[in-house]
PDB file of all heavy atoms in Angstrom:
ATOM      1  N   GLY A   1       8.439 -19.844  43.647  1.00  0.00           N
ATOM      2  CA  GLY A   1       8.052 -21.064  44.303  1.00  0.00           C
ATOM      3  C   GLY A   1       7.139 -21.983  43.405  1.00  0.00           C
ATOM      4  O   GLY A   1       6.787 -23.100  43.888  1.00  0.00           O
ATOM      5  N   LEU A   2       6.966 -21.628  42.096  1.00  0.00           N
ATOM      6  CA  LEU A   2       6.156 -22.408  41.320  1.00  0.00           C
ATOM      7  C   LEU A   2       6.951 -22.969  40.070  1.00  0.00           C
ATOM      8  O   LEU A   2       7.935 -22.279  39.503  1.00  0.00           O
ATOM      9  CB  LEU A   2       5.064 -21.572  40.642  1.00  0.00           C
ATOM     10  CG  LEU A   2       3.997 -20.966  41.731  1.00  0.00           C
ATOM     11  CD1 LEU A   2       3.073 -19.928  40.950  1.00  0.00           C
ATOM     12  CD2 LEU A   2       3.155 -22.102  42.414  1.00  0.00           C
ATOM     13  N   LEU A   3       6.657 -24.087  39.634  1.00  0.00           N
ATOM     14  CA  LEU A   3       7.354 -24.638  38.420  1.00  0.00           C
ATOM     15  C   LEU A   3       6.804 -24.070  37.202  1.00  0.00           C
ATOM     16  O   LEU A   3       5.522 -23.916  37.103  1.00  0.00           O
ATOM     17  CB  LEU A   3       7.140 -26.230  38.382  1.00  0.00           C
ATOM     18  CG  LEU A   3       7.810 -27.090  39.414  1.00  0.00           C
ATOM     19  CD1 LEU A   3       7.336 -28.503  39.313  1.00  0.00           C
ATOM     20  CD2 LEU A   3       9.304 -26.966  39.455  1.00  0.00           C
ATOM     21  N   VAL A   4       7.665 -23.587  36.260  1.00  0.00           N
ATOM     22  CA  VAL A   4       7.185 -23.035  35.026  1.00  0.00           C
ATOM     23  C   VAL A   4       7.846 -23.909  33.932  1.00  0.00           C
ATOM     24  O   VAL A   4       9.062 -24.216  33.961  1.00  0.00           O
ATOM     25  CB  VAL A   4       7.695 -21.507  34.905  1.00  0.00           C
ATOM     26  CG1 VAL A   4       7.386 -21.082  33.573  1.00  0.00           C
ATOM     27  CG2 VAL A   4       6.927 -20.709  35.989  1.00  0.00           C
ATOM     28  N   HIS A   5       6.998 -24.325  32.958  1.00  0.00           N
ATOM     29  CA  HIS A   5       7.476 -25.172  31.913  1.00  0.00           C
ATOM     30  C   HIS A   5       8.297 -24.337  30.869  1.00  0.00           C
ATOM     31  O   HIS A   5       7.760 -23.297  30.445  1.00  0.00           O
ATOM     32  CB  HIS A   5       6.357 -25.822  31.168  1.00  0.00           C
ATOM     33  CG  HIS A   5       6.661 -26.908  30.246  1.00  0.00           C
ATOM     34  ND1 HIS A   5       6.991 -26.633  28.884  1.00  0.00           N
ATOM     35  CD2 HIS A   5       6.817 -28.319  30.354  1.00  0.00           C
ATOM     36  CE1 HIS A   5       7.279 -27.766  28.244  1.00  0.00           C
ATOM     37  NE2 HIS A   5       7.134 -28.737  29.031  1.00  0.00           N
ATOM     38  N   ARG A   6       9.460 -24.818  30.575  1.00  0.00           N
ATOM     39  CA  ARG A   6      10.369 -23.981  29.691  1.00  0.00           C
ATOM     40  C   ARG A   6      10.528 -24.646  28.279  1.00  0.00           C
ATOM     41  O   ARG A   6      11.385 -24.223  27.480  1.00  0.00           O
ATOM     42  CB  ARG A   6      11.760 -23.926  30.326  1.00  0.00           C
ATOM     43  CG  ARG A   6      11.698 -23.112  31.679  1.00  0.00           C
ATOM     44  CD  ARG A   6      11.482 -21.662  31.569  1.00  0.00           C
ATOM     45  NE  ARG A   6      12.613 -21.022  30.689  1.00  0.00           N
ATOM     46  CZ  ARG A   6      12.474 -19.819  30.221  1.00  0.00           C
ATOM     47  NH1 ARG A   6      11.480 -19.032  30.434  1.00  0.00           N
ATOM     48  NH2 ARG A   6      13.544 -19.264  29.581  1.00  0.00           N
ATOM     49  N   GLY A   7       9.893 -25.784  28.018  1.00  0.00           N
ATOM     50  CA  GLY A   7       9.905 -26.416  26.729  1.00  0.00           C
ATOM     51  C   GLY A   7      10.762 -27.746  26.859  1.00  0.00           C
ATOM     52  O   GLY A   7      11.121 -28.215  27.950  1.00  0.00           O
ATOM     53  N   ARG A   8      10.978 -28.385  25.700  1.00  0.00           N
ATOM     54  CA  ARG A   8      11.599 -29.652  25.723  1.00  0.00           C
ATOM     55  C   ARG A   8      13.195 -29.508  25.685  1.00  0.00           C
ATOM     56  O   ARG A   8      13.674 -28.582  25.052  1.00  0.00           O
ATOM     57  CB  ARG A   8      11.141 -30.516  24.468  1.00  0.00           C
ATOM     58  CG  ARG A   8       9.694 -30.907  24.446  1.00  0.00           C
ATOM     59  CD  ARG A   8       9.425 -32.013  25.314  1.00  0.00           C
ATOM     60  NE  ARG A   8      10.076 -33.168  25.151  1.00  0.00           N
ATOM     61  CZ  ARG A   8      10.168 -34.218  25.881  1.00  0.00           C
ATOM     62  NH1 ARG A   8       9.606 -34.240  27.012  1.00  0.00           N
ATOM     63  NH2 ARG A   8      10.786 -35.307  25.469  1.00  0.00           N
ATOM     64  N   LEU A   9      13.873 -30.447  26.245  1.00  0.00           N
ATOM     65  CA  LEU A   9      15.255 -30.419  26.123  1.00  0.00           C
ATOM     66  C   LEU A   9      15.702 -30.658  24.712  1.00  0.00           C
ATOM     67  O   LEU A   9      16.652 -29.963  24.392  1.00  0.00           O
ATOM     68  CB  LEU A   9      15.833 -31.649  26.949  1.00  0.00           C
ATOM     69  CG  LEU A   9      16.018 -31.448  28.504  1.00  0.00           C
ATOM     70  CD1 LEU A   9      16.564 -32.908  29.089  1.00  0.00           C
ATOM     71  CD2 LEU A   9      16.890 -30.419  28.815  1.00  0.00           C
ATOM     72  N   ASP A  10      14.937 -31.425  23.972  1.00  0.00           N
ATOM     73  CA  ASP A  10      15.379 -31.555  22.616  1.00  0.00           C
ATOM     74  C   ASP A  10      15.027 -30.438  21.699  1.00  0.00           C
ATOM     75  O   ASP A  10      15.292 -30.482  20.520  1.00  0.00           O
ATOM     76  CB  ASP A  10      14.934 -32.898  22.052  1.00  0.00           C
ATOM     77  CG  ASP A  10      13.405 -33.085  22.272  1.00  0.00           C
ATOM     78  OD1 ASP A  10      12.607 -32.185  22.510  1.00  0.00           O
ATOM     79  OD2 ASP A  10      12.986 -34.286  22.171  1.00  0.00           O
ATOM     80  N   ASP A  11      14.449 -29.413  22.157  1.00  0.00           N
ATOM     81  CA  ASP A  11      14.120 -28.252  21.492  1.00  0.00           C
ATOM     82  C   ASP A  11      15.287 -27.178  21.489  1.00  0.00           C
ATOM     83  O   ASP A  11      15.340 -26.324  20.659  1.00  0.00           O
ATOM     84  CB  ASP A  11      12.898 -27.466  22.000  1.00  0.00           C
ATOM     85  CG  ASP A  11      11.631 -28.173  21.640  1.00  0.00           C
ATOM     86  OD1 ASP A  11      11.538 -28.987  20.652  1.00  0.00           O
ATOM     87  OD2 ASP A  11      10.540 -27.905  22.221  1.00  0.00           O
ATOM     88  N   GLN A  12      16.229 -27.419  22.382  1.00  0.00           N
ATOM     89  CA  GLN A  12      17.245 -26.478  22.566  1.00  0.00           C
ATOM     90  C   GLN A  12      18.107 -26.553  21.279  1.00  0.00           C
ATOM     91  O   GLN A  12      18.427 -27.651  20.809  1.00  0.00           O
ATOM     92  CB  GLN A  12      18.088 -26.860  23.806  1.00  0.00           C
ATOM     93  CG  GLN A  12      17.543 -26.415  25.129  1.00  0.00           C
ATOM     94  CD  GLN A  12      18.560 -26.584  26.317  1.00  0.00           C
ATOM     95  OE1 GLN A  12      19.511 -27.348  26.156  1.00  0.00           O
ATOM     96  NE2 GLN A  12      18.247 -25.932  27.423  1.00  0.00           N
ATOM     97  N   VAL A  13      18.675 -25.463  20.918  1.00  0.00           N
ATOM     98  CA  VAL A  13      19.485 -25.341  19.751  1.00  0.00           C
ATOM     99  C   VAL A  13      20.712 -24.425  20.149  1.00  0.00           C
ATOM    100  O   VAL A  13      20.563 -23.574  20.976  1.00  0.00           O
ATOM    101  CB  VAL A  13      18.880 -24.895  18.460  1.00  0.00           C
ATOM    102  CG1 VAL A  13      17.862 -25.896  18.003  1.00  0.00           C
ATOM    103  CG2 VAL A  13      18.247 -23.409  18.663  1.00  0.00           C
ATOM    104  N   LYS A  14      21.803 -24.559  19.380  1.00  0.00           N
ATOM    105  CA  LYS A  14      22.931 -23.668  19.587  1.00  0.00           C
ATOM    106  C   LYS A  14      22.957 -22.702  18.360  1.00  0.00           C
ATOM    107  O   LYS A  14      23.061 -23.261  17.264  1.00  0.00           O
ATOM    108  CB  LYS A  14      24.279 -24.419  19.840  1.00  0.00           C
ATOM    109  CG  LYS A  14      24.395 -24.893  21.317  1.00  0.00           C
ATOM    110  CD  LYS A  14      25.837 -25.113  21.607  1.00  0.00           C
ATOM    111  CE  LYS A  14      25.947 -25.357  23.083  1.00  0.00           C
ATOM    112  NZ  LYS A  14      27.446 -25.585  23.477  1.00  0.00           N
ATOM    113  N   ILE A  15      23.027 -21.547  18.575  1.00  0.00           N
ATOM    114  CA  ILE A  15      23.152 -20.505  17.501  1.00  0.00           C
ATOM    115  C   ILE A  15      24.465 -19.714  17.811  1.00  0.00           C
ATOM    116  O   ILE A  15      24.711 -18.960  18.678  1.00  0.00           O
ATOM    117  CB  ILE A  15      21.994 -19.485  17.548  1.00  0.00           C
ATOM    118  CG1 ILE A  15      20.631 -20.307  17.458  1.00  0.00           C
ATOM    119  CG2 ILE A  15      22.147 -18.458  16.456  1.00  0.00           C
ATOM    120  CD1 ILE A  15      20.488 -20.948  16.153  1.00  0.00           C
ATOM    121  N   ARG A  16      25.417 -20.107  16.912  1.00  0.00           N
ATOM    122  CA  ARG A  16      26.735 -19.376  16.946  1.00  0.00           C
ATOM    123  C   ARG A  16      27.331 -19.557  18.413  1.00  0.00           C
ATOM    124  O   ARG A  16      27.893 -18.631  18.986  1.00  0.00           O
ATOM    125  CB  ARG A  16      26.663 -18.020  16.529  1.00  0.00           C
ATOM    126  CG  ARG A  16      26.345 -17.880  15.039  1.00  0.00           C
ATOM    127  CD  ARG A  16      25.825 -16.448  14.706  1.00  0.00           C
ATOM    128  NE  ARG A  16      25.535 -16.476  13.263  1.00  0.00           N
ATOM    129  CZ  ARG A  16      24.312 -16.968  12.820  1.00  0.00           C
ATOM    130  NH1 ARG A  16      23.528 -17.447  13.615  1.00  0.00           N
ATOM    131  NH2 ARG A  16      24.062 -16.882  11.503  1.00  0.00           N
ATOM    132  N   GLY A  17      27.302 -20.805  18.845  1.00  0.00           N
ATOM    133  CA  GLY A  17      27.799 -21.025  20.283  1.00  0.00           C
ATOM    134  C   GLY A  17      26.894 -20.783  21.485  1.00  0.00           C
ATOM    135  O   GLY A  17      27.170 -21.209  22.490  1.00  0.00           O
ATOM    136  N   TYR A  18      25.815 -20.019  21.160  1.00  0.00           N
ATOM    137  CA  TYR A  18      24.920 -19.700  22.300  1.00  0.00           C
ATOM    138  C   TYR A  18      23.851 -20.787  22.392  1.00  0.00           C
ATOM    139  O   TYR A  18      23.322 -21.235  21.364  1.00  0.00           O
ATOM    140  CB  TYR A  18      24.160 -18.343  22.031  1.00  0.00           C
ATOM    141  CG  TYR A  18      25.093 -17.193  22.193  1.00  0.00           C
ATOM    142  CD1 TYR A  18      25.607 -16.595  21.042  1.00  0.00           C
ATOM    143  CD2 TYR A  18      25.305 -16.513  23.380  1.00  0.00           C
ATOM    144  CE1 TYR A  18      26.496 -15.424  21.220  1.00  0.00           C
ATOM    145  CE2 TYR A  18      26.089 -15.448  23.571  1.00  0.00           C
ATOM    146  CZ  TYR A  18      26.657 -14.875  22.351  1.00  0.00           C
ATOM    147  OH  TYR A  18      27.408 -13.783  22.538  1.00  0.00           O
ATOM    148  N   ARG A  19      23.619 -21.262  23.548  1.00  0.00           N
ATOM    149  CA  ARG A  19      22.449 -22.147  23.788  1.00  0.00           C
ATOM    150  C   ARG A  19      21.146 -21.374  23.827  1.00  0.00           C
ATOM    151  O   ARG A  19      20.932 -20.443  24.587  1.00  0.00           O
ATOM    152  CB  ARG A  19      22.659 -22.873  25.170  1.00  0.00           C
ATOM    153  CG  ARG A  19      21.449 -23.856  25.303  1.00  0.00           C
ATOM    154  CD  ARG A  19      21.594 -24.666  26.666  1.00  0.00           C
ATOM    155  NE  ARG A  19      22.762 -25.561  26.641  1.00  0.00           N
ATOM    156  CZ  ARG A  19      23.196 -26.130  27.717  1.00  0.00           C
ATOM    157  NH1 ARG A  19      22.682 -25.915  28.777  1.00  0.00           N
ATOM    158  NH2 ARG A  19      24.221 -26.966  27.585  1.00  0.00           N
ATOM    159  N   VAL A  20      20.259 -21.732  22.917  1.00  0.00           N
ATOM    160  CA  VAL A  20      19.016 -20.902  22.720  1.00  0.00           C
ATOM    161  C   VAL A  20      17.786 -21.795  23.049  1.00  0.00           C
ATOM    162  O   VAL A  20      17.707 -22.947  22.630  1.00  0.00           O
ATOM    163  CB  VAL A  20      18.928 -20.482  21.270  1.00  0.00           C
ATOM    164  CG1 VAL A  20      17.503 -19.847  21.046  1.00  0.00           C
ATOM    165  CG2 VAL A  20      19.985 -19.444  20.922  1.00  0.00           C
ATOM    166  N   GLU A  21      16.856 -21.232  23.885  1.00  0.00           N
ATOM    167  CA  GLU A  21      15.616 -22.001  24.058  1.00  0.00           C
ATOM    168  C   GLU A  21      14.481 -21.377  23.184  1.00  0.00           C
ATOM    169  O   GLU A  21      14.160 -20.172  23.417  1.00  0.00           O
ATOM    170  CB  GLU A  21      15.303 -21.715  25.616  1.00  0.00           C
ATOM    171  CG  GLU A  21      16.296 -22.354  26.513  1.00  0.00           C
ATOM    172  CD  GLU A  21      15.778 -22.202  28.035  1.00  0.00           C
ATOM    173  OE1 GLU A  21      14.840 -21.547  28.236  1.00  0.00           O
ATOM    174  OE2 GLU A  21      16.636 -22.568  28.861  1.00  0.00           O
ATOM    175  N   PRO A  22      14.034 -22.090  22.175  1.00  0.00           N
ATOM    176  CA  PRO A  22      13.047 -21.476  21.380  1.00  0.00           C
ATOM    177  C   PRO A  22      11.769 -21.021  22.092  1.00  0.00           C
ATOM    178  O   PRO A  22      11.217 -19.987  21.589  1.00  0.00           O
ATOM    179  CB  PRO A  22      12.638 -22.754  20.457  1.00  0.00           C
ATOM    180  CG  PRO A  22      13.962 -23.576  20.390  1.00  0.00           C
ATOM    181  CD  PRO A  22      14.502 -23.434  21.797  1.00  0.00           C
ATOM    182  N   SER A  23      11.516 -21.579  23.244  1.00  0.00           N
ATOM    183  CA  SER A  23      10.240 -21.146  23.996  1.00  0.00           C
ATOM    184  C   SER A  23      10.365 -19.707  24.380  1.00  0.00           C
ATOM    185  O   SER A  23       9.371 -19.035  24.477  1.00  0.00           O
ATOM    186  CB  SER A  23      10.010 -22.200  25.052  1.00  0.00           C
ATOM    187  OG  SER A  23      11.094 -22.042  26.048  1.00  0.00           O
ATOM    188  N   GLU A  24      11.573 -19.271  24.656  1.00  0.00           N
ATOM    189  CA  GLU A  24      11.852 -17.891  25.097  1.00  0.00           C
ATOM    190  C   GLU A  24      11.512 -16.874  23.919  1.00  0.00           C
ATOM    191  O   GLU A  24      10.940 -15.843  24.054  1.00  0.00           O
ATOM    192  CB  GLU A  24      13.187 -17.698  25.592  1.00  0.00           C
ATOM    193  CG  GLU A  24      13.539 -16.328  26.067  1.00  0.00           C
ATOM    194  CD  GLU A  24      14.905 -16.183  26.661  1.00  0.00           C
ATOM    195  OE1 GLU A  24      15.662 -17.096  26.727  1.00  0.00           O
ATOM    196  OE2 GLU A  24      15.221 -14.973  27.097  1.00  0.00           O
ATOM    197  N   VAL A  25      11.870 -17.322  22.677  1.00  0.00           N
ATOM    198  CA  VAL A  25      11.763 -16.540  21.473  1.00  0.00           C
ATOM    199  C   VAL A  25      10.233 -16.478  21.235  1.00  0.00           C
ATOM    200  O   VAL A  25       9.696 -15.484  20.774  1.00  0.00           O
ATOM    201  CB  VAL A  25      12.509 -16.971  20.315  1.00  0.00           C
ATOM    202  CG1 VAL A  25      12.410 -16.084  19.086  1.00  0.00           C
ATOM    203  CG2 VAL A  25      14.033 -17.084  20.726  1.00  0.00           C
ATOM    204  N   GLU A  26       9.602 -17.665  21.349  1.00  0.00           N
ATOM    205  CA  GLU A  26       8.160 -17.772  21.033  1.00  0.00           C
ATOM    206  C   GLU A  26       7.378 -16.810  21.940  1.00  0.00           C
ATOM    207  O   GLU A  26       6.436 -16.243  21.542  1.00  0.00           O
ATOM    208  CB  GLU A  26       7.765 -19.202  21.264  1.00  0.00           C
ATOM    209  CG  GLU A  26       8.276 -20.123  20.083  1.00  0.00           C
ATOM    210  CD  GLU A  26       8.055 -21.583  20.449  1.00  0.00           C
ATOM    211  OE1 GLU A  26       7.442 -21.944  21.564  1.00  0.00           O
ATOM    212  OE2 GLU A  26       8.503 -22.481  19.658  1.00  0.00           O
ATOM    213  N   ALA A  27       7.785 -16.861  23.253  1.00  0.00           N
ATOM    214  CA  ALA A  27       7.131 -15.990  24.175  1.00  0.00           C
ATOM    215  C   ALA A  27       7.226 -14.511  23.788  1.00  0.00           C
ATOM    216  O   ALA A  27       6.259 -13.711  23.889  1.00  0.00           O
ATOM    217  CB  ALA A  27       7.641 -16.199  25.631  1.00  0.00           C
ATOM    218  N   ALA A  28       8.339 -14.105  23.311  1.00  0.00           N
ATOM    219  CA  ALA A  28       8.562 -12.753  22.874  1.00  0.00           C
ATOM    220  C   ALA A  28       7.670 -12.375  21.736  1.00  0.00           C
ATOM    221  O   ALA A  28       7.170 -11.248  21.542  1.00  0.00           O
ATOM    222  CB  ALA A  28      10.085 -12.483  22.627  1.00  0.00           C
ATOM    223  N   LEU A  29       7.672 -13.312  20.712  1.00  0.00           N
ATOM    224  CA  LEU A  29       6.745 -13.122  19.522  1.00  0.00           C
ATOM    225  C   LEU A  29       5.374 -12.929  20.020  1.00  0.00           C
ATOM    226  O   LEU A  29       4.689 -12.118  19.417  1.00  0.00           O
ATOM    227  CB  LEU A  29       6.979 -14.303  18.555  1.00  0.00           C
ATOM    228  CG  LEU A  29       8.135 -14.177  17.699  1.00  0.00           C
ATOM    229  CD1 LEU A  29       8.467 -15.573  17.029  1.00  0.00           C
ATOM    230  CD2 LEU A  29       7.940 -13.134  16.549  1.00  0.00           C
ATOM    231  N   ARG A  30       4.864 -13.784  20.809  1.00  0.00           N
ATOM    232  CA  ARG A  30       3.432 -13.735  21.204  1.00  0.00           C
ATOM    233  C   ARG A  30       3.159 -12.505  21.840  1.00  0.00           C
ATOM    234  O   ARG A  30       1.942 -12.070  21.870  1.00  0.00           O
ATOM    235  CB  ARG A  30       3.086 -14.893  22.117  1.00  0.00           C
ATOM    236  CG  ARG A  30       3.153 -16.314  21.442  1.00  0.00           C
ATOM    237  CD  ARG A  30       2.439 -17.376  22.356  1.00  0.00           C
ATOM    238  NE  ARG A  30       3.079 -17.528  23.585  1.00  0.00           N
ATOM    239  CZ  ARG A  30       3.994 -18.519  23.799  1.00  0.00           C
ATOM    240  NH1 ARG A  30       4.347 -19.347  22.912  1.00  0.00           N
ATOM    241  NH2 ARG A  30       4.525 -18.705  25.127  1.00  0.00           N
ATOM    242  N   ARG A  31       4.070 -11.722  22.448  1.00  0.00           N
ATOM    243  CA  ARG A  31       3.755 -10.450  23.175  1.00  0.00           C
ATOM    244  C   ARG A  31       3.599  -9.391  22.062  1.00  0.00           C
ATOM    245  O   ARG A  31       3.046  -8.341  22.403  1.00  0.00           O
ATOM    246  CB  ARG A  31       4.908 -10.194  24.078  1.00  0.00           C
ATOM    247  CG  ARG A  31       4.925 -10.988  25.347  1.00  0.00           C
ATOM    248  CD  ARG A  31       5.828 -10.439  26.439  1.00  0.00           C
ATOM    249  NE  ARG A  31       7.218 -10.589  26.089  1.00  0.00           N
ATOM    250  CZ  ARG A  31       7.909 -11.617  26.533  1.00  0.00           C
ATOM    251  NH1 ARG A  31       7.317 -12.534  27.303  1.00  0.00           N
ATOM    252  NH2 ARG A  31       9.205 -11.740  26.304  1.00  0.00           N
ATOM    253  N   LEU A  32       3.955  -9.566  20.786  1.00  0.00           N
ATOM    254  CA  LEU A  32       3.738  -8.538  19.734  1.00  0.00           C
ATOM    255  C   LEU A  32       2.273  -8.520  19.432  1.00  0.00           C
ATOM    256  O   LEU A  32       1.585  -9.496  19.184  1.00  0.00           O
ATOM    257  CB  LEU A  32       4.566  -8.899  18.570  1.00  0.00           C
ATOM    258  CG  LEU A  32       6.126  -9.043  18.809  1.00  0.00           C
ATOM    259  CD1 LEU A  32       6.833  -9.233  17.485  1.00  0.00           C
ATOM    260  CD2 LEU A  32       6.687  -7.874  19.544  1.00  0.00           C
ATOM    261  N   ASP A  33       1.785  -7.394  19.074  1.00  0.00           N
ATOM    262  CA  ASP A  33       0.359  -7.244  18.797  1.00  0.00           C
ATOM    263  C   ASP A  33       0.034  -7.936  17.509  1.00  0.00           C
ATOM    264  O   ASP A  33      -1.155  -8.426  17.377  1.00  0.00           O
ATOM    265  CB  ASP A  33       0.016  -5.628  18.497  1.00  0.00           C
ATOM    266  CG  ASP A  33       0.052  -4.963  19.863  1.00  0.00           C
ATOM    267  OD1 ASP A  33      -0.051  -5.557  20.939  1.00  0.00           O
ATOM    268  OD2 ASP A  33       0.277  -3.672  19.927  1.00  0.00           O
ATOM    269  N   ALA A  34       0.999  -8.004  16.574  1.00  0.00           N
ATOM    270  CA  ALA A  34       0.676  -8.728  15.347  1.00  0.00           C
ATOM    271  C   ALA A  34       0.539 -10.168  15.382  1.00  0.00           C
ATOM    272  O   ALA A  34       0.017 -10.802  14.452  1.00  0.00           O
ATOM    273  CB  ALA A  34       1.681  -8.212  14.268  1.00  0.00           C
ATOM    274  N   VAL A  35       1.112 -10.812  16.384  1.00  0.00           N
ATOM    275  CA  VAL A  35       1.319 -12.204  16.491  1.00  0.00           C
ATOM    276  C   VAL A  35       0.247 -12.897  17.347  1.00  0.00           C
ATOM    277  O   VAL A  35       0.037 -12.429  18.521  1.00  0.00           O
ATOM    278  CB  VAL A  35       2.741 -12.578  16.900  1.00  0.00           C
ATOM    279  CG1 VAL A  35       2.803 -14.124  17.089  1.00  0.00           C
ATOM    280  CG2 VAL A  35       3.738 -12.046  15.956  1.00  0.00           C
ATOM    281  N   THR A  36      -0.368 -13.952  16.860  1.00  0.00           N
ATOM    282  CA  THR A  36      -1.290 -14.762  17.623  1.00  0.00           C
ATOM    283  C   THR A  36      -0.672 -16.026  18.258  1.00  0.00           C
ATOM    284  O   THR A  36      -0.577 -16.203  19.481  1.00  0.00           O
ATOM    285  CB  THR A  36      -2.506 -15.184  16.923  1.00  0.00           C
ATOM    286  OG1 THR A  36      -3.135 -14.066  16.333  1.00  0.00           O
ATOM    287  CG2 THR A  36      -3.547 -15.976  17.773  1.00  0.00           C
TER     288      THR A  36
END
């Protein structure tokens, strides 16, 4: 029921045909102990 910001439309990229949202990858990186 809440709006969650997913990044900019112009941040989207296609990697080998897949639409990729960099914010999703950034979130996964931030969850690593080594990454701030």
